[in-house]
C-alpha atoms as a PDB file:
ATOM      1  CA  MET A   1     120.347 114.858 111.576  1.00  0.00           C
ATOM      2  CA  ALA A   2     118.576 111.550 111.021  1.00  0.00           C
ATOM      3  CA  VAL A   3     121.500 110.172 109.007  1.00  0.00           C
ATOM      4  CA  VAL A   4     124.033 111.290 111.644  1.00  0.00           C
ATOM      5  CA  THR A   5     121.960 109.680 114.406  1.00  0.00           C
ATOM      6  CA  ILE A   6     121.699 106.393 112.500  1.00  0.00           C
ATOM      7  CA  LEU A   7     125.457 106.406 111.811  1.00  0.00           C
ATOM      8  CA  ALA A   8     126.206 107.037 115.481  1.00  0.00           C
ATOM      9  CA  VAL A   9     123.931 104.192 116.613  1.00  0.00           C
ATOM     10  CA  GLY A  10     125.458 101.852 114.029  1.00  0.00           C
ATOM     11  CA  LEU A  11     129.021 102.677 115.111  1.00  0.00           C
ATOM     12  CA  ILE A  12     128.150 102.118 118.762  1.00  0.00           C
ATOM     13  CA  LEU A  13     126.565  98.748 118.024  1.00  0.00           C
ATOM     14  CA  THR A  14     129.624  97.539 116.067  1.00  0.00           C
ATOM     15  CA  THR A  15     131.693  97.816 119.244  1.00  0.00           C
ATOM     16  CA  PHE A  16     129.674  95.015 120.879  1.00  0.00           C
ATOM     17  CA  ARG A  17     130.329  91.569 119.454  1.00  0.00           C
ATOM     18  CA  PRO A  18     126.810  90.114 119.947  1.00  0.00           C
ATOM     19  CA  VAL A  19     125.190  92.939 117.953  1.00  0.00           C
ATOM     20  CA  ARG A  20     128.067  93.804 115.618  1.00  0.00           C
ATOM     21  CA  LEU A  21     126.315  92.327 112.573  1.00  0.00           C
ATOM     22  CA  PHE A  22     123.212  94.399 113.358  1.00  0.00           C
ATOM     23  CA  GLY A  23     125.379  97.537 113.618  1.00  0.00           C
ATOM     24  CA  VAL A  24     126.958  96.856 110.208  1.00  0.00           C
ATOM     25  CA  THR A  25     123.492  96.428 108.720  1.00  0.00           C
ATOM     26  CA  ILE A  26     122.445  99.797 110.144  1.00  0.00           C
ATOM     27  CA  LEU A  27     125.533 101.489 108.712  1.00  0.00           C
ATOM     28  CA  THR A  28     124.837  99.976 105.294  1.00  0.00           C
ATOM     29  CA  SER A  29     121.249 101.201 105.449  1.00  0.00           C
ATOM     30  CA  ALA A  30     122.444 104.677 106.429  1.00  0.00           C
ATOM     31  CA  GLY A  31     124.698 104.774 103.372  1.00  0.00           C
ATOM     32  CA  VAL A  32     121.817 103.855 101.097  1.00  0.00           C
ATOM     33  CA  ILE A  33     119.562 106.446 102.723  1.00  0.00           C
ATOM     34  CA  GLY A  34     122.273 109.088 102.363  1.00  0.00           C
ATOM     35  CA  ALA A  35     122.644 108.316  98.666  1.00  0.00           C
ATOM     36  CA  VAL A  36     118.895 108.531  98.127  1.00  0.00           C
ATOM     37  CA  LEU A  37     118.701 111.850  99.986  1.00  0.00           C
ATOM     38  CA  GLY A  38     121.620 113.190  97.973  1.00  0.00           C
ATOM     39  CA  LEU A  39     119.934 112.338  94.701  1.00  0.00           C
ATOM     40  CA  SER A  40     116.663 113.839  95.925  1.00  0.00           C
ATOM     41  CA  ALA A  41     118.372 117.062  96.937  1.00  0.00           C
ATOM     42  CA  ARG A  42     120.245 117.375  93.661  1.00  0.00           C
ATOM     43  CA  THR A  43     117.468 119.288  91.868  1.00  0.00           C
ATOM     44  CA  ALA A  44     116.788 121.566  94.834  1.00  0.00           C
ATOM     45  CA  LEU A  45     120.482 122.359  95.235  1.00  0.00           C
ATOM     46  CA  GLY A  46     120.811 122.982  91.509  1.00  0.00           C
ATOM     47  CA  ASN A  47     117.939 125.481  91.615  1.00  0.00           C
ATOM     48  CA  ALA A  48     119.422 127.146  94.681  1.00  0.00           C
ATOM     49  CA  PHE A  49     122.816 127.612  93.023  1.00  0.00           C
ATOM     50  CA  ALA A  50     121.083 128.824  89.861  1.00  0.00           C
ATOM     51  CA  GLY A  51     119.178 131.385  91.951  1.00  0.00           C
ATOM     52  CA  ILE A  52     122.461 132.700  93.335  1.00  0.00           C
ATOM     53  CA  GLN A  53     123.881 132.848  89.801  1.00  0.00           C
ATOM     54  CA  VAL A  54     120.831 134.756  88.509  1.00  0.00           C
ATOM     55  CA  ALA A  55     121.118 137.225  91.381  1.00  0.00           C
ATOM     56  CA  PHE A  56     124.800 137.949  90.733  1.00  0.00           C
ATOM     57  CA  ALA A  57     124.430 137.977  86.926  1.00  0.00           C
ATOM     58  CA  ASP A  58     121.840 140.793  87.225  1.00  0.00           C
ATOM     59  CA  GLY A  59     119.907 139.377  84.265  1.00  0.00           C
ATOM     60  CA  LEU A  60     116.386 139.968  85.564  1.00  0.00           C
ATOM     61  CA  HIS A  61     114.560 141.827  88.312  1.00  0.00           C
ATOM     62  CA  VAL A  62     111.055 142.080  89.691  1.00  0.00           C
ATOM     63  CA  GLY A  63     109.010 144.138  87.224  1.00  0.00           C
ATOM     64  CA  ASP A  64     111.037 143.220  84.134  1.00  0.00           C
ATOM     65  CA  VAL A  65     109.153 142.253  80.973  1.00  0.00           C
ATOM     66  CA  LEU A  66     110.395 138.918  79.616  1.00  0.00           C
ATOM     67  CA  VAL A  67     109.675 136.815  76.552  1.00  0.00           C
ATOM     68  CA  VAL A  68     109.942 133.117  77.428  1.00  0.00           C
ATOM     69  CA  ASP A  69     109.133 130.405  74.876  1.00  0.00           C
ATOM     70  CA  GLY A  70     107.158 132.903  72.792  1.00  0.00           C
ATOM     71  CA  GLU A  71     105.106 134.149  75.773  1.00  0.00           C
ATOM     72  CA  TRP A  72     105.665 137.571  77.294  1.00  0.00           C
ATOM     73  CA  GLY A  73     104.921 138.631  80.809  1.00  0.00           C
ATOM     74  CA  ARG A  74     106.132 140.592  83.813  1.00  0.00           C
ATOM     75  CA  VAL A  75     108.320 139.164  86.582  1.00  0.00           C
ATOM     76  CA  GLU A  76     106.422 139.194  89.881  1.00  0.00           C
ATOM     77  CA  GLU A  77     108.801 137.251  92.152  1.00  0.00           C
ATOM     78  CA  VAL A  78     112.427 136.149  91.946  1.00  0.00           C
ATOM     79  CA  LYS A  79     113.086 133.450  94.519  1.00  0.00           C
ATOM     80  CA  LEU A  80     116.104 131.286  95.180  1.00  0.00           C
ATOM     81  CA  THR A  81     114.587 128.243  93.487  1.00  0.00           C
ATOM     82  CA  ASN A  82     111.988 129.657  91.061  1.00  0.00           C
ATOM     83  CA  VAL A  83     110.799 132.743  89.194  1.00  0.00           C
ATOM     84  CA  VAL A  84     107.120 133.750  89.030  1.00  0.00           C
ATOM     85  CA  ILE A  85     105.952 135.482  85.828  1.00  0.00           C
ATOM     86  CA  ARG A  86     102.490 136.917  85.183  1.00  0.00           C
ATOM     87  CA  LEU A  87     101.764 136.492  81.487  1.00  0.00           C
ATOM     88  CA  TRP A  88      99.909 139.018  79.348  1.00  0.00           C
ATOM     89  CA  ASP A  89      96.640 137.051  79.651  1.00  0.00           C
ATOM     90  CA  GLU A  90      96.893 136.912  83.485  1.00  0.00           C
ATOM     91  CA  ARG A  91      98.179 133.337  83.600  1.00  0.00           C
ATOM     92  CA  ILE A  92     100.919 132.646  86.146  1.00  0.00           C
ATOM     93  CA  LEU A  93     104.069 130.941  84.846  1.00  0.00           C
ATOM     94  CA  ILE A  94     106.424 129.491  87.476  1.00  0.00           C
ATOM     95  CA  LEU A  95     109.833 128.412  86.193  1.00  0.00           C
ATOM     96  CA  PRO A  96     112.818 126.960  88.051  1.00  0.00           C
ATOM     97  CA  THR A  97     115.759 129.329  88.222  1.00  0.00           C
ATOM     98  CA  THR A  98     117.836 126.783  86.301  1.00  0.00           C
ATOM     99  CA  TYR A  99     115.732 127.699  83.243  1.00  0.00           C
ATOM    100  CA  PHE A 100     117.311 131.172  83.159  1.00  0.00           C
ATOM    101  CA  THR A 101     120.843 129.809  83.397  1.00  0.00           C
ATOM    102  CA  GLU A 102     120.430 127.082  80.783  1.00  0.00           C
ATOM    103  CA  ARG A 103     118.168 128.650  78.130  1.00  0.00           C
ATOM    104  CA  PRO A 104     118.030 132.012  76.349  1.00  0.00           C
ATOM    105  CA  PHE A 105     115.268 134.502  77.127  1.00  0.00           C
ATOM    106  CA  GLN A 106     114.444 138.073  76.134  1.00  0.00           C
ATOM    107  CA  ASN A 107     114.449 140.898  78.684  1.00  0.00           C
ATOM    108  CA  TRP A 108     112.731 143.920  77.168  1.00  0.00           C
ATOM    109  CA  THR A 109     113.261 146.190  80.160  1.00  0.00           C
ATOM    110  CA  ARG A 110     116.697 145.384  81.549  1.00  0.00           C
ATOM    111  CA  ASP A 111     117.942 148.965  81.097  1.00  0.00           C
ATOM    112  CA  GLN A 112     114.624 150.837  81.008  1.00  0.00           C
ATOM    113  CA  SER A 113     110.898 150.151  81.213  1.00  0.00           C
ATOM    114  CA  ARG A 114     110.105 151.541  77.751  1.00  0.00           C
ATOM    115  CA  VAL A 115     109.124 148.892  75.182  1.00  0.00           C
ATOM    116  CA  ILE A 116     109.143 149.215  71.387  1.00  0.00           C
ATOM    117  CA  GLY A 117     106.096 147.544  69.855  1.00  0.00           C
ATOM    118  CA  LYS A 118     106.057 146.577  66.203  1.00  0.00           C
ATOM    119  CA  ILE A 119     103.529 145.263  63.706  1.00  0.00           C
ATOM    120  CA  GLN A 120     103.864 144.094  60.105  1.00  0.00           C
ATOM    121  CA  ILE A 121     101.262 144.566  57.395  1.00  0.00           C
ATOM    122  CA  HIS A 122     101.408 143.149  53.869  1.00  0.00           C
ATOM    123  CA  VAL A 123     100.155 145.495  51.151  1.00  0.00           C
ATOM    124  CA  ASP A 124     100.050 145.536  47.372  1.00  0.00           C
ATOM    125  CA  HIS A 125     103.045 146.856  45.421  1.00  0.00           C
ATOM    126  CA  THR A 126     100.935 149.837  44.316  1.00  0.00           C
ATOM    127  CA  ALA A 127     100.382 151.048  47.897  1.00  0.00           C
ATOM    128  CA  ASP A 128     101.502 154.615  48.652  1.00  0.00           C
ATOM    129  CA  LEU A 129     103.685 154.325  51.744  1.00  0.00           C
ATOM    130  CA  ASN A 130     103.678 158.092  52.350  1.00  0.00           C
ATOM    131  CA  GLU A 131      99.904 158.011  52.760  1.00  0.00           C
ATOM    132  CA  MET A 132     100.239 155.034  55.101  1.00  0.00           C
ATOM    133  CA  ARG A 133     102.813 156.966  57.140  1.00  0.00           C
ATOM    134  CA  ARG A 134     100.428 159.883  57.508  1.00  0.00           C
ATOM    135  CA  GLU A 135      97.652 157.569  58.684  1.00  0.00           C
ATOM    136  CA  ALA A 136     100.003 155.715  61.026  1.00  0.00           C
ATOM    137  CA  ARG A 137     101.168 159.021  62.473  1.00  0.00           C
ATOM    138  CA  ARG A 138      97.577 160.130  63.021  1.00  0.00           C
ATOM    139  CA  LEU A 139      96.711 156.886  64.794  1.00  0.00           C
ATOM    140  CA  ILE A 140      99.844 156.903  66.939  1.00  0.00           C
ATOM    141  CA  GLU A 141      99.597 160.549  67.995  1.00  0.00           C
ATOM    142  CA  ALA A 142      95.920 160.089  68.879  1.00  0.00           C
ATOM    143  CA  SER A 143      96.651 157.087  71.097  1.00  0.00           C
ATOM    144  CA  PRO A 144      97.156 157.656  74.852  1.00  0.00           C
ATOM    145  CA  LEU A 145      99.267 154.477  74.891  1.00  0.00           C
ATOM    146  CA  TRP A 146     102.095 156.094  72.907  1.00  0.00           C
ATOM    147  CA  ASP A 147     104.730 157.602  75.196  1.00  0.00           C
ATOM    148  CA  ARG A 148     105.597 160.415  72.741  1.00  0.00           C
ATOM    149  CA  ASP A 149     109.114 159.111  72.257  1.00  0.00           C
ATOM    150  CA  ARG A 150     109.485 157.467  68.837  1.00  0.00           C
ATOM    151  CA  TRP A 151     107.712 155.812  65.946  1.00  0.00           C
ATOM    152  CA  VAL A 152     108.524 154.814  62.357  1.00  0.00           C
ATOM    153  CA  LEU A 153     106.942 153.103  59.342  1.00  0.00           C
ATOM    154  CA  GLN A 154     109.300 151.314  56.960  1.00  0.00           C
ATOM    155  CA  MET A 155     109.236 148.789  54.133  1.00  0.00           C
ATOM    156  CA  VAL A 156     111.184 145.878  55.577  1.00  0.00           C
ATOM    157  CA  ASP A 157     110.672 143.205  52.913  1.00  0.00           C
ATOM    158  CA  ALA A 158     109.163 142.495  49.514  1.00  0.00           C
ATOM    159  CA  THR A 159     107.740 139.319  47.986  1.00  0.00           C
ATOM    160  CA  PRO A 160     106.496 138.675  44.439  1.00  0.00           C
ATOM    161  CA  GLN A 161     102.929 139.335  45.669  1.00  0.00           C
ATOM    162  CA  THR A 162     103.287 142.003  48.382  1.00  0.00           C
ATOM    163  CA  VAL A 163     105.533 144.472  50.152  1.00  0.00           C
ATOM    164  CA  VAL A 164     105.919 144.168  53.911  1.00  0.00           C
ATOM    165  CA  THR A 165     105.536 147.343  55.943  1.00  0.00           C
ATOM    166  CA  GLN A 166     106.556 147.523  59.583  1.00  0.00           C
ATOM    167  CA  VAL A 167     105.377 150.070  62.117  1.00  0.00           C
ATOM    168  CA  GLN A 168     107.316 150.579  65.341  1.00  0.00           C
ATOM    169  CA  ALA A 169     106.074 152.717  68.218  1.00  0.00           C
ATOM    170  CA  SER A 170     107.278 153.069  71.795  1.00  0.00           C
ATOM    171  CA  ALA A 171     105.168 152.663  74.913  1.00  0.00           C
ATOM    172  CA  ALA A 172     105.759 153.040  78.632  1.00  0.00           C
ATOM    173  CA  ASP A 173     105.647 149.306  79.390  1.00  0.00           C
ATOM    174  CA  GLY A 174     104.950 145.890  77.910  1.00  0.00           C
ATOM    175  CA  ALA A 175     101.196 145.915  78.517  1.00  0.00           C
ATOM    176  CA  SER A 176     100.799 149.331  76.870  1.00  0.00           C
ATOM    177  CA  ALA A 177     102.954 148.237  73.931  1.00  0.00           C
ATOM    178  CA  TRP A 178     100.740 145.177  73.383  1.00  0.00           C
ATOM    179  CA  ASP A 179      97.533 147.241  73.340  1.00  0.00           C
ATOM    180  CA  LEU A 180      99.145 149.879  71.123  1.00  0.00           C
ATOM    181  CA  ARG A 181     100.169 147.207  68.604  1.00  0.00           C
ATOM    182  CA  CYS A 182      96.621 145.823  68.503  1.00  0.00           C
ATOM    183  CA  ASP A 183      95.123 149.296  68.010  1.00  0.00           C
ATOM    184  CA  LEU A 184      97.567 150.190  65.224  1.00  0.00           C
ATOM    185  CA  ARG A 185      97.018 146.916  63.411  1.00  0.00           C
ATOM    186  CA  GLU A 186      93.248 147.309  63.553  1.00  0.00           C
ATOM    187  CA  GLY A 187      93.370 150.988  62.550  1.00  0.00           C
ATOM    188  CA  LEU A 188      95.647 150.517  59.545  1.00  0.00           C
ATOM    189  CA  ILE A 189      93.747 147.490  58.249  1.00  0.00           C
ATOM    190  CA  SER A 190      90.457 149.397  58.579  1.00  0.00           C
ATOM    191  CA  TYR A 191      92.002 152.377  56.769  1.00  0.00           C
ATOM    192  CA  LEU A 192      93.186 150.245  53.859  1.00  0.00           C
ATOM    193  CA  ARG A 193      89.929 148.290  53.670  1.00  0.00           C
ATOM    194  CA  ASP A 194      87.684 151.390  53.713  1.00  0.00           C
ATOM    195  CA  GLN A 195      89.807 153.989  51.915  1.00  0.00           C
ATOM    196  CA  HIS A 196      92.113 152.021  49.603  1.00  0.00           C
ATOM    197  CA  PRO A 197      90.886 148.442  49.156  1.00  0.00           C
ATOM    198  CA  GLN A 198      92.893 148.158  45.937  1.00  0.00           C
ATOM    199  CA  ARG A 199      96.070 148.377  47.999  1.00  0.00           C
ATOM    200  CA  LEU A 200      95.358 145.250  49.972  1.00  0.00           C
ATOM    201  CA  PRO A 201      97.273 142.137  48.837  1.00  0.00           C
ATOM    202  CA  ARG A 202      95.979 140.767  45.532  1.00  0.00           C
ATOM    203  CA  THR A 203      96.738 137.719  43.440  1.00  0.00           C
ATOM    204  CA  ARG A 204      97.546 138.626  39.835  1.00  0.00           C
ATOM    205  CA  SER A 205      97.513 136.368  36.808  1.00  0.00           C
ATOM    206  CA  GLN A 206      98.981 137.115  33.419  1.00  0.00           C
ATOM    207  CA  TYR A 207      97.197 135.996  30.270  1.00  0.00           C
ATOM    208  CA  GLN A 208      99.382 135.070  27.323  1.00  0.00           C
ATOM    209  CA  PRO A 209      97.541 134.325  24.073  1.00  0.00           C
END
């Protein structure tokens, strides 16, 4: 409205010879102001269009659990220009909607709220994985955080010093999955330390006379 008013005043003044130069100056100033306002509004308009794109793309909703730049949290608000995420440690992360149209992110709950939590534990090559499975099953079934859907313990990698075991267990939501992972990690490490310390990773050396 301000720009239109200034343009109108400038055009009126150019019709009078004594003040024509003043009217031209006003019109020039209005053009500069319009350019500045356009540049200033560029970011806001970009976020607004990105918000519309996010809404139609159906990529995230309020309540979804996202992983953004290595941090996971739950979406609390999806606005036209920004998205509000509450991180696992109660911090609030506010991102412009353009972030979700320009960069990749993980949505753990796009189709359902259930989350699969996983942990990895390095053990010695002599470790009995069947015994570890029994202990993992005991810990998982005793946990109220497990949603009684699925779990598995597998060897997923091997190095010259250790084998890498991975435990996966499902939980009702992201917060429960995080706590379940912490409990399983602590329980399995305590089990190995107290019951089978020889199965923890060891450094071997070979003597050759």
